[in-house]
Amino acid sequence: MSLEQLAEYIDWTFFFTAWELRGKFPAILQHPEHGQAARELFDNGKRLLDRIMKDRSLTARGVYGFGRLRALAMTSSSSATMLATPSFCASRCCASRR
């Protein structure tokens, strides 16, 4: 899938959150307090994305997989017990838990 195709699925909400502009996209663009800054940031982000797509400085690659899921729960005796309820820990968010 090309970057141009993927760009249609970008949820810009997280982009604004990273810049400490809280709100959901596209509503944040009309926010009475943060709207002007959000529109400027969005324009800059779109220009940068367009440049990246034009000069092909990044390529999209993806990996997916299926694996066994498990969950741990603490019992009253403070020992870990396996549960039937599955959970998933993505490597980025749970690296310190391994």
Protein backbone atom coordinates (compact mmCIF):
# COMPACT_ATOMS: atom_id res chain seq x y z
CA MET A 1 0.00 0.00 0.00
CA SER A 2 1.40 3.41 -0.91
CA LEU A 3 1.86 6.32 1.48
CA GLU A 4 -0.74 8.23 -0.51
CA GLN A 5 -3.28 5.50 0.20
CA LEU A 6 -2.29 5.26 3.87
CA ALA A 7 -2.51 9.04 4.32
CA GLU A 8 -6.28 8.81 3.91
CA TYR A 9 -6.46 6.78 7.14
CA ILE A 10 -4.33 9.03 9.36
CA ASP A 11 -6.00 9.98 12.62
CA TRP A 12 -4.50 13.41 13.18
CA THR A 13 -5.80 13.55 16.78
CA PHE A 14 -2.58 12.02 18.09
CA PHE A 15 -0.51 14.52 16.10
CA PHE A 16 -2.22 17.39 17.91
CA THR A 17 -1.90 15.64 21.27
CA ALA A 18 1.86 15.32 20.74
CA TRP A 19 1.96 19.11 20.36
CA GLU A 20 -0.15 19.48 23.52
CA LEU A 21 -3.26 20.60 21.66
CA ARG A 22 -6.01 18.53 23.23
CA GLY A 23 -9.05 17.76 21.13
CA LYS A 24 -10.36 15.44 18.45
CA PHE A 25 -9.64 15.96 14.79
CA PRO A 26 -11.24 17.66 12.85
CA ALA A 27 -13.18 19.47 15.60
CA ILE A 28 -9.97 20.88 17.07
CA LEU A 29 -9.52 22.98 13.91
CA GLN A 30 -12.60 24.99 14.96
CA HIS A 31 -11.80 25.15 18.68
CA PRO A 32 -12.34 28.71 19.95
CA GLU A 33 -9.08 28.77 21.90
CA HIS A 34 -6.75 26.42 20.00
CA GLY A 35 -8.24 26.47 16.50
CA GLN A 36 -5.79 28.91 14.93
CA ALA A 37 -2.73 27.05 16.27
CA ALA A 38 -4.26 23.71 15.29
CA ARG A 39 -4.92 24.89 11.72
CA GLU A 40 -1.34 26.16 11.37
CA LEU A 41 0.06 22.93 12.79
CA PHE A 42 -2.18 20.84 10.52
CA ASP A 43 -1.09 22.83 7.44
CA ASN A 44 2.56 22.35 8.38
CA GLY A 45 2.03 18.64 9.01
CA LYS A 46 0.25 18.16 5.68
CA ARG A 47 3.04 20.01 3.84
CA LEU A 48 5.65 17.80 5.48
CA LEU A 49 3.64 14.67 4.66
CA ASP A 50 3.26 15.80 1.05
CA ARG A 51 7.02 16.37 0.80
CA ILE A 52 7.73 12.93 2.29
CA MET A 53 5.37 11.31 -0.21
CA LYS A 54 6.77 13.30 -3.14
CA ASP A 55 10.46 12.59 -2.53
CA ARG A 56 9.82 9.06 -1.18
CA SER A 57 12.01 9.71 1.87
CA LEU A 58 9.96 7.15 3.81
CA THR A 59 8.40 3.90 2.77
CA ALA A 60 5.52 2.06 4.41
CA ARG A 61 6.16 -1.42 5.69
CA GLY A 62 4.00 -3.42 8.00
CA VAL A 63 4.07 -6.66 9.89
CA TYR A 64 1.25 -8.54 11.48
CA GLY A 65 1.02 -11.79 13.31
CA PHE A 66 -1.14 -13.98 15.44
CA GLY A 67 0.00 -15.36 18.74
CA ARG A 68 -1.16 -16.89 21.97
CA LEU A 69 -2.63 -14.32 24.35
CA ARG A 70 -2.71 -14.58 28.09
CA ALA A 71 -3.59 -12.52 31.10
CA LEU A 72 -2.26 -12.52 34.63
CA ALA A 73 -4.23 -11.63 37.72
CA MET A 74 -3.20 -11.33 41.32
CA THR A 75 -5.08 -13.60 43.69
CA SER A 76 -5.70 -12.90 47.34
CA SER A 77 -2.51 -14.82 48.13
CA SER A 78 -0.58 -12.40 45.84
CA SER A 79 0.45 -15.12 43.42
CA ALA A 80 -0.03 -14.70 39.67
CA THR A 81 -2.83 -16.82 38.23
CA MET A 82 -3.58 -17.44 34.57
CA LEU A 83 -7.03 -16.31 33.46
CA ALA A 84 -9.09 -17.28 30.46
CA THR A 85 -9.49 -13.60 29.51
CA PRO A 86 -6.96 -12.75 26.78
CA SER A 87 -4.88 -9.59 26.74
CA PHE A 88 -2.27 -8.25 24.40
CA CYS A 89 0.83 -6.30 25.27
CA ALA A 90 2.35 -4.38 22.35
CA SER A 91 6.13 -4.29 22.50
CA ARG A 92 6.34 -0.49 22.66
CA CYS A 93 3.98 0.00 25.58
CA CYS A 94 5.02 -3.00 27.64
CA ALA A 95 8.77 -3.29 27.08
CA SER A 96 9.48 -2.53 30.74
CA ARG A 97 7.03 -5.23 31.91
CA ARG A 98 8.87 -8.14 30.29
